[in-house]
N, C-alpha and C. Protein backbone atom coordinates (compact mmCIF):
# COMPACT_ATOMS: atom_id res chain seq x y z
N MET A 1 0.87 -1.10 0.08
CA MET A 1 -0.06 0.01 0.03
C MET A 1 0.86 1.17 0.00
N HIS A 2 0.57 2.15 -0.91
CA HIS A 2 1.34 3.33 -0.94
C HIS A 2 1.03 4.31 0.22
N LYS A 3 1.98 5.10 0.67
CA LYS A 3 1.76 6.00 1.73
C LYS A 3 0.92 7.25 1.24
N ILE A 4 0.21 7.80 2.08
CA ILE A 4 -0.64 8.96 1.84
C ILE A 4 0.37 10.17 1.85
N LYS A 5 0.58 10.72 0.66
CA LYS A 5 1.36 12.03 0.65
C LYS A 5 0.58 13.16 1.15
N THR A 6 1.03 13.75 2.32
CA THR A 6 0.31 14.74 2.92
C THR A 6 1.09 16.15 3.10
N VAL A 7 0.22 17.22 3.03
CA VAL A 7 0.72 18.55 3.36
C VAL A 7 -0.01 19.20 4.40
N ILE A 8 0.61 20.04 5.23
CA ILE A 8 -0.12 20.77 6.38
C ILE A 8 0.22 22.17 6.06
N ILE A 9 -0.89 22.93 6.18
CA ILE A 9 -0.76 24.37 6.04
C ILE A 9 -1.45 25.03 7.19
N ASP A 10 -0.62 25.68 8.10
CA ASP A 10 -1.24 26.29 9.21
C ASP A 10 -0.36 27.55 9.70
N ALA A 11 -0.82 28.68 9.78
CA ALA A 11 0.01 29.78 10.09
C ALA A 11 0.39 29.76 11.48
N ASP A 12 -0.30 29.12 12.31
CA ASP A 12 0.17 29.02 13.77
C ASP A 12 1.09 27.86 13.96
N SER A 13 2.35 28.21 14.37
CA SER A 13 3.35 27.25 14.54
C SER A 13 3.01 26.10 15.37
N LYS A 14 2.34 26.44 16.53
CA LYS A 14 2.02 25.34 17.48
C LYS A 14 1.02 24.33 16.92
N CYS A 15 -0.02 24.91 16.32
CA CYS A 15 -0.99 24.00 15.65
C CYS A 15 -0.46 23.18 14.61
N LEU A 16 0.55 23.80 13.80
CA LEU A 16 1.22 23.13 12.71
C LEU A 16 2.04 21.86 13.21
N ASP A 17 2.69 22.26 14.32
CA ASP A 17 3.55 21.09 14.88
C ASP A 17 2.68 20.09 15.48
N ARG A 18 1.49 20.43 16.10
CA ARG A 18 0.65 19.41 16.68
C ARG A 18 0.15 18.52 15.57
N SER A 19 -0.35 19.12 14.51
CA SER A 19 -0.81 18.32 13.30
C SER A 19 0.16 17.41 12.77
N ALA A 20 1.38 17.85 12.65
CA ALA A 20 2.49 17.06 12.17
C ALA A 20 2.78 15.93 13.22
N ASN A 21 2.94 16.30 14.46
CA ASN A 21 3.12 15.20 15.47
C ASN A 21 2.02 14.11 15.46
N LEU A 22 0.81 14.48 15.21
CA LEU A 22 -0.27 13.42 15.20
C LEU A 22 -0.16 12.62 13.92
N LEU A 23 0.23 13.32 12.78
CA LEU A 23 0.24 12.52 11.59
C LEU A 23 1.38 11.60 11.45
N HIS A 24 2.55 12.03 12.27
CA HIS A 24 3.67 11.03 12.33
C HIS A 24 3.46 9.73 13.04
N LYS A 25 2.27 9.60 13.79
CA LYS A 25 1.96 8.45 14.40
C LYS A 25 1.34 7.29 13.60
N PHE A 26 1.10 7.79 12.28
CA PHE A 26 0.44 6.84 11.30
C PHE A 26 1.54 6.48 10.25
N ASP A 27 1.78 5.13 10.20
CA ASP A 27 2.79 4.52 9.38
C ASP A 27 2.46 4.75 7.85
N ASP A 28 1.10 4.95 7.44
CA ASP A 28 0.79 5.06 6.18
C ASP A 28 0.68 6.51 5.66
N VAL A 29 1.19 7.39 6.45
CA VAL A 29 1.21 8.83 6.18
C VAL A 29 2.65 9.30 5.97
N GLU A 30 2.86 10.13 4.89
CA GLU A 30 4.16 10.64 4.59
C GLU A 30 3.98 12.18 4.45
N ILE A 31 4.50 12.93 5.31
CA ILE A 31 4.33 14.49 5.22
C ILE A 31 5.35 14.96 4.17
N VAL A 32 4.91 15.48 3.15
CA VAL A 32 5.85 15.93 2.07
C VAL A 32 5.97 17.44 2.16
N GLY A 33 5.23 18.19 3.06
CA GLY A 33 5.46 19.48 3.17
C GLY A 33 4.52 20.13 4.33
N THR A 34 5.26 21.09 5.11
CA THR A 34 4.60 21.91 5.99
C THR A 34 4.76 23.39 5.76
N PHE A 35 3.66 24.11 5.89
CA PHE A 35 3.81 25.48 5.53
C PHE A 35 3.08 26.29 6.41
N LYS A 36 3.71 27.39 6.91
CA LYS A 36 3.11 28.54 7.65
C LYS A 36 2.66 29.57 6.80
N ASP A 37 3.10 29.67 5.58
CA ASP A 37 2.64 30.63 4.63
C ASP A 37 1.71 29.94 3.63
N PRO A 38 0.41 30.37 3.75
CA PRO A 38 -0.75 29.69 2.92
C PRO A 38 -0.49 29.76 1.49
N GLN A 39 0.14 30.90 0.85
CA GLN A 39 0.31 31.01 -0.52
C GLN A 39 1.32 29.96 -0.99
N LYS A 40 2.52 29.87 -0.20
CA LYS A 40 3.52 28.86 -0.55
C LYS A 40 3.01 27.53 -0.58
N GLY A 41 2.21 27.22 0.43
CA GLY A 41 1.62 25.82 0.61
C GLY A 41 0.74 25.61 -0.57
N MET A 42 -0.17 26.56 -1.00
CA MET A 42 -0.94 26.32 -2.09
C MET A 42 -0.26 26.06 -3.48
N VAL A 43 0.82 26.81 -3.63
CA VAL A 43 1.62 26.71 -4.89
C VAL A 43 2.38 25.31 -4.81
N PHE A 44 2.85 24.90 -3.63
CA PHE A 44 3.42 23.59 -3.45
C PHE A 44 2.38 22.49 -3.86
N MET A 45 1.15 22.62 -3.30
CA MET A 45 0.19 21.54 -3.66
C MET A 45 -0.20 21.42 -5.16
N LEU A 46 -0.32 22.65 -5.69
CA LEU A 46 -0.60 22.69 -7.26
C LEU A 46 0.45 22.05 -8.03
N ASN A 47 1.68 22.29 -7.58
CA ASN A 47 2.82 21.75 -8.44
C ASN A 47 3.12 20.39 -8.04
N ASN A 48 2.86 19.88 -6.82
CA ASN A 48 3.33 18.46 -6.43
C ASN A 48 2.10 17.42 -6.21
N GLN A 49 0.95 18.02 -6.16
CA GLN A 49 -0.16 17.09 -6.16
C GLN A 49 -0.18 15.97 -5.00
N PRO A 50 -0.09 16.43 -3.75
CA PRO A 50 -0.15 15.41 -2.73
C PRO A 50 -1.54 14.71 -2.64
N ASP A 51 -1.63 13.68 -2.00
CA ASP A 51 -2.87 13.05 -1.83
C ASP A 51 -3.83 13.92 -0.94
N LEU A 52 -3.33 14.36 0.10
CA LEU A 52 -4.23 14.97 1.12
C LEU A 52 -3.56 16.19 1.68
N ALA A 53 -4.39 17.23 1.95
CA ALA A 53 -3.88 18.43 2.55
C ALA A 53 -4.75 18.84 3.83
N PHE A 54 -4.09 19.05 4.88
CA PHE A 54 -4.57 19.55 6.09
C PHE A 54 -4.41 21.12 6.19
N ILE A 55 -5.56 21.77 6.16
CA ILE A 55 -5.40 23.23 5.91
C ILE A 55 -6.22 23.89 7.04
N GLN A 56 -5.60 24.81 7.78
CA GLN A 56 -6.30 25.66 8.79
C GLN A 56 -7.16 26.63 8.08
N ILE A 57 -8.38 26.89 8.60
CA ILE A 57 -9.22 27.74 7.83
C ILE A 57 -8.93 29.25 8.03
N GLU A 58 -8.69 29.64 9.33
CA GLU A 58 -8.32 31.01 9.63
C GLU A 58 -6.88 31.30 9.55
N MET A 59 -6.55 31.90 8.44
CA MET A 59 -5.04 32.39 8.30
C MET A 59 -4.94 33.72 7.69
N PRO A 60 -3.91 34.43 7.90
CA PRO A 60 -3.93 35.84 7.34
C PRO A 60 -3.53 35.64 5.82
N ILE A 61 -3.87 36.63 4.99
CA ILE A 61 -3.57 36.69 3.56
C ILE A 61 -4.44 35.69 2.79
N LEU A 62 -4.47 34.44 3.04
CA LEU A 62 -5.19 33.45 2.32
C LEU A 62 -5.85 32.54 3.20
N SER A 63 -7.14 32.45 3.29
CA SER A 63 -7.76 31.43 4.31
C SER A 63 -7.77 30.09 3.68
N GLY A 64 -8.01 29.20 4.57
CA GLY A 64 -8.23 27.76 4.14
C GLY A 64 -9.34 27.60 3.13
N LEU A 65 -10.43 28.30 3.41
CA LEU A 65 -11.53 28.16 2.41
C LEU A 65 -11.12 28.77 1.14
N GLU A 66 -10.38 29.78 1.06
CA GLU A 66 -9.85 30.22 -0.31
C GLU A 66 -8.97 29.13 -1.04
N ILE A 67 -8.15 28.60 -0.20
CA ILE A 67 -7.22 27.56 -0.73
C ILE A 67 -8.03 26.40 -1.24
N ALA A 68 -8.99 26.00 -0.46
CA ALA A 68 -10.00 24.96 -0.81
C ALA A 68 -10.73 25.17 -2.14
N GLU A 69 -11.20 26.46 -2.31
CA GLU A 69 -11.79 26.93 -3.42
C GLU A 69 -10.94 26.74 -4.66
N GLU A 70 -9.63 27.32 -4.52
CA GLU A 70 -8.73 27.30 -5.59
C GLU A 70 -8.31 25.79 -6.07
N ILE A 71 -8.17 25.00 -5.08
CA ILE A 71 -7.86 23.58 -5.32
C ILE A 71 -8.99 22.95 -6.06
N SER A 72 -10.28 23.25 -5.71
CA SER A 72 -11.42 22.72 -6.39
C SER A 72 -11.53 23.24 -7.80
N LYS A 73 -11.15 24.55 -8.06
CA LYS A 73 -11.26 25.11 -9.47
C LYS A 73 -10.29 24.44 -10.33
N GLN A 74 -9.03 24.19 -9.75
CA GLN A 74 -7.95 23.62 -10.55
C GLN A 74 -8.20 22.10 -11.01
N GLU A 75 -9.23 21.51 -10.32
CA GLU A 75 -9.58 20.13 -10.63
C GLU A 75 -8.43 19.11 -10.38
N THR A 76 -7.70 19.33 -9.36
CA THR A 76 -6.65 18.40 -8.95
C THR A 76 -7.24 17.26 -8.26
N ASN A 77 -6.29 16.25 -8.00
CA ASN A 77 -6.65 14.99 -7.19
C ASN A 77 -6.46 15.25 -5.69
N VAL A 78 -6.00 16.48 -5.27
CA VAL A 78 -5.72 16.75 -3.85
C VAL A 78 -6.95 16.79 -3.00
N LYS A 79 -7.08 16.00 -2.05
CA LYS A 79 -8.27 15.92 -1.21
C LYS A 79 -7.93 16.93 0.09
N VAL A 80 -8.86 17.76 0.43
CA VAL A 80 -8.61 18.69 1.50
C VAL A 80 -9.33 18.34 2.81
N ILE A 81 -8.70 18.46 3.89
CA ILE A 81 -9.40 18.38 5.16
C ILE A 81 -9.07 19.73 5.77
N LEU A 82 -10.20 20.33 6.18
CA LEU A 82 -10.05 21.69 6.62
C LEU A 82 -10.08 21.61 8.21
N LEU A 83 -9.26 22.43 8.92
CA LEU A 83 -9.21 22.51 10.34
C LEU A 83 -9.69 23.80 10.86
N SER A 84 -10.49 23.75 11.89
CA SER A 84 -10.89 24.95 12.56
C SER A 84 -11.40 24.67 13.99
N PRO A 85 -11.24 25.72 14.82
CA PRO A 85 -11.77 25.57 16.16
C PRO A 85 -13.26 25.75 16.18
N TYR A 86 -13.72 26.27 15.05
CA TYR A 86 -15.27 26.70 14.98
C TYR A 86 -16.01 25.86 13.98
N ALA A 87 -17.18 25.32 14.41
CA ALA A 87 -18.03 24.50 13.45
C ALA A 87 -18.66 25.40 12.36
N HIS A 88 -18.78 26.61 12.60
CA HIS A 88 -19.70 27.32 11.61
C HIS A 88 -19.05 27.55 10.24
N TYR A 89 -17.87 27.09 9.97
CA TYR A 89 -17.39 27.17 8.60
C TYR A 89 -17.74 25.89 7.87
N ALA A 90 -18.27 24.90 8.47
CA ALA A 90 -18.48 23.51 7.86
C ALA A 90 -19.35 23.70 6.74
N ILE A 91 -20.44 24.49 6.78
CA ILE A 91 -21.32 24.57 5.49
C ILE A 91 -20.65 25.18 4.31
N LYS A 92 -19.79 26.18 4.62
CA LYS A 92 -19.10 26.76 3.53
C LYS A 92 -18.12 25.78 3.02
N ALA A 93 -17.48 25.01 3.76
CA ALA A 93 -16.54 24.13 3.31
C ALA A 93 -17.03 23.07 2.41
N LEU A 94 -18.39 22.71 2.58
CA LEU A 94 -18.94 21.71 1.73
C LEU A 94 -18.97 22.29 0.31
N LYS A 95 -19.19 23.48 0.00
CA LYS A 95 -19.25 24.00 -1.27
C LYS A 95 -17.96 23.81 -2.13
N PHE A 96 -16.85 23.55 -1.44
CA PHE A 96 -15.63 23.35 -2.15
C PHE A 96 -15.13 21.84 -2.13
N ASN A 97 -16.19 21.08 -1.95
CA ASN A 97 -15.84 19.54 -2.01
C ASN A 97 -14.83 19.07 -1.04
N VAL A 98 -14.57 19.70 0.08
CA VAL A 98 -13.59 19.19 0.89
C VAL A 98 -13.90 17.80 1.30
N PHE A 99 -12.84 17.06 1.57
CA PHE A 99 -13.02 15.63 2.02
C PHE A 99 -13.43 15.63 3.46
N ASP A 100 -12.94 16.46 4.34
CA ASP A 100 -13.40 16.38 5.72
C ASP A 100 -13.19 17.73 6.43
N TYR A 101 -13.78 17.85 7.60
CA TYR A 101 -13.60 19.05 8.33
C TYR A 101 -13.50 18.64 9.79
N LEU A 102 -12.33 19.00 10.42
CA LEU A 102 -12.04 18.45 11.82
C LEU A 102 -11.93 19.75 12.64
N LEU A 103 -12.63 19.60 13.86
CA LEU A 103 -12.45 20.60 14.72
C LEU A 103 -11.22 20.62 15.61
N CYS A 104 -10.60 21.71 15.76
CA CYS A 104 -9.35 21.79 16.65
C CYS A 104 -9.60 21.95 18.00
N PRO A 105 -8.83 21.42 19.00
CA PRO A 105 -7.71 20.68 18.65
C PRO A 105 -8.18 19.23 18.16
N ILE A 106 -7.40 18.76 17.26
CA ILE A 106 -7.80 17.46 16.65
C ILE A 106 -7.60 16.38 17.64
N SER A 107 -8.52 15.46 17.66
CA SER A 107 -8.30 14.19 18.53
C SER A 107 -7.67 13.17 17.63
N ILE A 108 -6.90 12.35 18.24
CA ILE A 108 -6.19 11.17 17.51
C ILE A 108 -7.26 10.35 16.91
N ASP A 109 -8.33 10.08 17.57
CA ASP A 109 -9.41 9.24 17.20
C ASP A 109 -10.16 9.79 15.87
N GLU A 110 -10.42 11.11 15.85
CA GLU A 110 -10.97 11.70 14.81
C GLU A 110 -10.15 11.64 13.52
N LEU A 111 -8.74 11.89 13.78
CA LEU A 111 -7.83 11.84 12.77
C LEU A 111 -7.77 10.43 12.15
N LYS A 112 -7.77 9.40 12.96
CA LYS A 112 -7.60 8.08 12.59
C LYS A 112 -8.86 7.69 11.73
N ASP A 113 -10.03 8.20 12.27
CA ASP A 113 -11.25 7.83 11.42
C ASP A 113 -11.23 8.56 9.97
N SER A 114 -10.76 9.82 10.01
CA SER A 114 -10.77 10.52 8.76
C SER A 114 -9.63 9.84 7.79
N LEU A 115 -8.53 9.51 8.23
CA LEU A 115 -7.53 8.84 7.50
C LEU A 115 -8.04 7.40 6.86
N LEU A 116 -8.79 6.74 7.80
CA LEU A 116 -9.37 5.36 7.38
C LEU A 116 -10.33 5.56 6.21
N ARG A 117 -11.27 6.61 6.39
CA ARG A 117 -12.15 6.89 5.30
C ARG A 117 -11.43 7.34 4.02
N PHE A 118 -10.39 8.01 4.09
CA PHE A 118 -9.55 8.46 2.97
C PHE A 118 -8.99 7.16 2.34
N ASN A 119 -8.34 6.36 3.06
CA ASN A 119 -7.84 5.04 2.58
C ASN A 119 -8.83 4.24 1.95
N VAL A 120 -9.95 4.05 2.54
CA VAL A 120 -11.08 3.22 1.95
C VAL A 120 -11.52 3.81 0.59
N LYS A 121 -11.78 5.18 0.58
CA LYS A 121 -12.19 5.80 -0.64
C LYS A 121 -11.29 5.98 -1.74
N TYR A 122 -10.01 6.32 -1.38
CA TYR A 122 -9.16 6.77 -2.49
C TYR A 122 -7.85 5.94 -2.58
N LYS A 123 -7.43 5.06 -1.62
CA LYS A 123 -6.19 4.42 -1.72
C LYS A 123 -6.29 2.92 -1.89
N THR A 124 -7.38 2.36 -1.66
CA THR A 124 -7.56 0.81 -1.70
C THR A 124 -7.66 0.33 -2.99
N ASP A 125 -8.21 1.10 -4.04
CA ASP A 125 -8.26 0.76 -5.42
C ASP A 125 -9.13 -0.49 -5.72
N LEU A 126 -10.00 -0.74 -4.68
CA LEU A 126 -10.92 -1.88 -4.87
C LEU A 126 -12.25 -1.29 -5.37
N ASN A 127 -12.81 -1.83 -6.42
CA ASN A 127 -14.15 -1.39 -6.91
C ASN A 127 -15.36 -1.99 -6.00
N SER A 128 -16.49 -1.53 -6.35
CA SER A 128 -17.59 -1.90 -5.46
C SER A 128 -17.88 -3.46 -5.49
N ARG A 129 -17.68 -4.10 -6.65
CA ARG A 129 -17.98 -5.48 -6.80
C ARG A 129 -16.88 -6.19 -5.95
N GLU A 130 -15.61 -5.79 -5.94
CA GLU A 130 -14.58 -6.50 -5.18
C GLU A 130 -14.88 -6.39 -3.62
N LEU A 131 -15.36 -5.16 -3.30
CA LEU A 131 -15.77 -4.92 -1.86
C LEU A 131 -16.81 -5.73 -1.46
N GLN A 132 -17.80 -5.95 -2.32
CA GLN A 132 -18.95 -6.91 -2.18
C GLN A 132 -18.53 -8.37 -1.92
N ILE A 133 -17.59 -8.79 -2.79
CA ILE A 133 -17.03 -10.11 -2.71
C ILE A 133 -16.21 -10.39 -1.42
N ILE A 134 -15.46 -9.29 -1.03
CA ILE A 134 -14.85 -9.37 0.22
C ILE A 134 -15.65 -9.60 1.51
N ARG A 135 -16.75 -8.74 1.37
CA ARG A 135 -17.80 -8.95 2.38
C ARG A 135 -18.41 -10.34 2.47
N GLU A 136 -18.64 -10.91 1.26
CA GLU A 136 -19.26 -12.18 1.34
C GLU A 136 -18.19 -13.27 1.80
N MET A 137 -17.02 -13.05 1.38
CA MET A 137 -15.96 -13.93 1.93
C MET A 137 -15.80 -13.93 3.44
N SER A 138 -15.94 -12.73 3.96
CA SER A 138 -15.92 -12.56 5.43
C SER A 138 -17.06 -13.21 6.14
N ASN A 139 -18.05 -13.50 5.42
CA ASN A 139 -19.26 -14.24 5.96
C ASN A 139 -19.05 -15.72 5.79
N GLY A 140 -17.98 -16.13 5.25
CA GLY A 140 -17.66 -17.58 5.21
C GLY A 140 -18.16 -18.18 3.94
N LEU A 141 -18.61 -17.51 2.93
CA LEU A 141 -19.06 -18.07 1.69
C LEU A 141 -17.91 -18.46 0.75
N ASN A 142 -17.95 -19.63 0.04
CA ASN A 142 -16.91 -19.86 -0.92
C ASN A 142 -17.34 -19.38 -2.23
N SER A 143 -16.48 -19.46 -3.29
CA SER A 143 -16.62 -18.89 -4.58
C SER A 143 -17.95 -19.27 -5.20
N GLN A 144 -18.45 -20.51 -5.14
CA GLN A 144 -19.56 -20.94 -5.70
C GLN A 144 -20.76 -20.29 -5.02
N ASN A 145 -20.80 -20.24 -3.69
CA ASN A 145 -21.83 -19.57 -3.00
C ASN A 145 -21.96 -18.11 -3.26
N ILE A 146 -20.77 -17.37 -3.32
CA ILE A 146 -20.77 -16.03 -3.65
C ILE A 146 -21.28 -15.75 -5.05
N GLY A 147 -20.93 -16.60 -6.08
CA GLY A 147 -21.35 -16.46 -7.37
C GLY A 147 -22.85 -16.69 -7.45
N ASN A 148 -23.41 -17.67 -6.78
CA ASN A 148 -24.86 -17.83 -6.66
C ASN A 148 -25.58 -16.62 -6.10
N LYS A 149 -25.01 -16.18 -5.02
CA LYS A 149 -25.65 -15.05 -4.36
C LYS A 149 -25.63 -13.82 -5.26
N LEU A 150 -24.59 -13.51 -5.97
CA LEU A 150 -24.45 -12.31 -6.74
C LEU A 150 -24.79 -12.55 -8.25
N SER A 151 -25.31 -13.75 -8.59
CA SER A 151 -25.67 -14.09 -9.94
C SER A 151 -24.50 -13.91 -11.00
N ILE A 152 -23.39 -14.44 -10.51
CA ILE A 152 -22.21 -14.42 -11.47
C ILE A 152 -21.52 -15.94 -11.34
N SER A 153 -20.71 -16.13 -12.26
CA SER A 153 -20.15 -17.51 -12.18
C SER A 153 -19.00 -17.71 -11.18
N LYS A 154 -18.81 -19.00 -10.79
CA LYS A 154 -17.70 -19.23 -9.79
C LYS A 154 -16.44 -18.81 -10.36
N HIS A 155 -16.21 -18.99 -11.61
CA HIS A 155 -14.94 -18.52 -12.43
C HIS A 155 -14.75 -17.03 -12.28
N THR A 156 -15.83 -16.34 -12.44
CA THR A 156 -15.85 -14.80 -12.31
C THR A 156 -15.41 -14.47 -10.96
N VAL A 157 -15.93 -15.11 -9.88
CA VAL A 157 -15.71 -14.84 -8.46
C VAL A 157 -14.17 -15.14 -8.22
N ASP A 158 -13.77 -16.27 -8.81
CA ASP A 158 -12.18 -16.59 -8.53
C ASP A 158 -11.40 -15.57 -9.18
N THR A 159 -11.87 -15.04 -10.37
CA THR A 159 -11.02 -13.87 -11.09
C THR A 159 -10.91 -12.68 -10.05
N TYR A 160 -12.08 -12.35 -9.59
CA TYR A 160 -12.12 -11.20 -8.62
C TYR A 160 -11.32 -11.45 -7.48
N ARG A 161 -11.35 -12.62 -6.98
CA ARG A 161 -10.47 -12.95 -5.69
C ARG A 161 -9.04 -12.81 -6.01
N ARG A 162 -8.69 -13.28 -7.14
CA ARG A 162 -7.17 -13.05 -7.52
C ARG A 162 -6.89 -11.65 -7.55
N ALA A 163 -7.64 -10.86 -8.19
CA ALA A 163 -7.43 -9.40 -8.34
C ALA A 163 -7.39 -8.77 -6.96
N ILE A 164 -8.24 -9.10 -6.14
CA ILE A 164 -8.28 -8.47 -4.79
C ILE A 164 -7.06 -8.83 -3.94
N LEU A 165 -6.64 -10.03 -4.03
CA LEU A 165 -5.48 -10.59 -3.28
C LEU A 165 -4.24 -9.71 -3.86
N GLU A 166 -4.18 -9.53 -5.18
CA GLU A 166 -3.06 -8.76 -5.80
C GLU A 166 -3.14 -7.32 -5.39
N LYS A 167 -4.24 -6.65 -5.46
CA LYS A 167 -4.34 -5.21 -5.07
C LYS A 167 -4.06 -4.96 -3.63
N SER A 168 -4.44 -6.03 -2.83
CA SER A 168 -4.30 -5.85 -1.36
C SER A 168 -2.91 -6.32 -0.84
N ASN A 169 -2.22 -6.85 -1.73
CA ASN A 169 -0.85 -7.54 -1.37
C ASN A 169 -1.08 -8.63 -0.24
N CYS A 170 -2.17 -9.41 -0.23
CA CYS A 170 -2.43 -10.40 0.57
C CYS A 170 -2.17 -11.74 -0.06
N GLN A 171 -1.77 -12.72 0.68
CA GLN A 171 -1.47 -14.10 0.20
C GLN A 171 -2.61 -15.07 0.18
N ASN A 172 -3.49 -14.94 1.14
CA ASN A 172 -4.63 -15.75 1.34
C ASN A 172 -5.82 -15.13 2.01
N THR A 173 -6.90 -15.92 1.96
CA THR A 173 -8.18 -15.33 2.46
C THR A 173 -8.09 -14.87 3.95
N PRO A 174 -7.58 -15.54 4.91
CA PRO A 174 -7.49 -14.97 6.30
C PRO A 174 -6.67 -13.74 6.34
N GLN A 175 -5.60 -13.57 5.59
CA GLN A 175 -4.88 -12.32 5.52
C GLN A 175 -5.71 -11.24 4.91
N LEU A 176 -6.46 -11.52 3.89
CA LEU A 176 -7.35 -10.55 3.15
C LEU A 176 -8.38 -10.13 4.36
N ILE A 177 -8.97 -11.01 4.97
CA ILE A 177 -10.02 -10.58 5.99
C ILE A 177 -9.47 -9.66 6.97
N LYS A 178 -8.27 -9.96 7.35
CA LYS A 178 -7.58 -9.19 8.47
C LYS A 178 -7.36 -7.62 7.80
N PHE A 179 -6.77 -7.81 6.59
CA PHE A 179 -6.66 -6.43 5.87
C PHE A 179 -7.96 -5.59 5.70
N ALA A 180 -9.01 -6.23 5.44
CA ALA A 180 -10.36 -5.67 5.26
C ALA A 180 -10.81 -5.06 6.52
N LEU A 181 -10.71 -5.88 7.68
CA LEU A 181 -11.10 -5.43 8.98
C LEU A 181 -10.38 -4.08 9.40
N LYS A 182 -9.02 -4.24 9.33
CA LYS A 182 -8.15 -3.13 9.78
C LYS A 182 -8.57 -1.81 8.93
N ARG A 183 -8.99 -1.92 7.70
CA ARG A 183 -9.27 -0.69 6.94
C ARG A 183 -10.86 -0.36 6.86
N GLY A 184 -11.62 -1.09 7.76
CA GLY A 184 -12.89 -0.79 7.77
C GLY A 184 -13.73 -1.11 6.52
N LEU A 185 -13.27 -2.07 5.72
CA LEU A 185 -13.95 -2.45 4.50
C LEU A 185 -15.19 -3.40 4.79
N ILE A 186 -15.08 -4.08 5.88
CA ILE A 186 -16.17 -5.01 6.31
C ILE A 186 -16.55 -4.77 7.67
């Protein structure tokens, strides 16, 4: 599994450091840039296309909402998580298709949930049929039973199973079930 390339933009040094320290606790996260200057952070994101950006809403010169709006206009693949001590910006954040909105100070559990949702949605690379097959496998069904339930052939299920194992870097079904549980897929 590839690491989540992450950028943090926060004009407040203490908050920036706190966010970085929390993100360093996750093995699947790689911080590729931290910025106190929102303009430099935005230019970096547009040029380097990280997977995920944690951006404080209230900053001088350029707000997190303005950065999210620009990222949205540029049609990049960068997903934005806005950070704020205030909930009242959440509605505005939705207009710019932000991935998540976390209240500061960020709790480790909220951050973990947000990263898990990001991984499931953008980094797992499993399609809906593959996820459906994993769920049926976790219920103890074999390929023939899964095929019958989903109205597809056993051969098709086996093809999906091979693709799932390859995408997840798992060697067998028990390892795959553990992988799926850890990532909240089942």
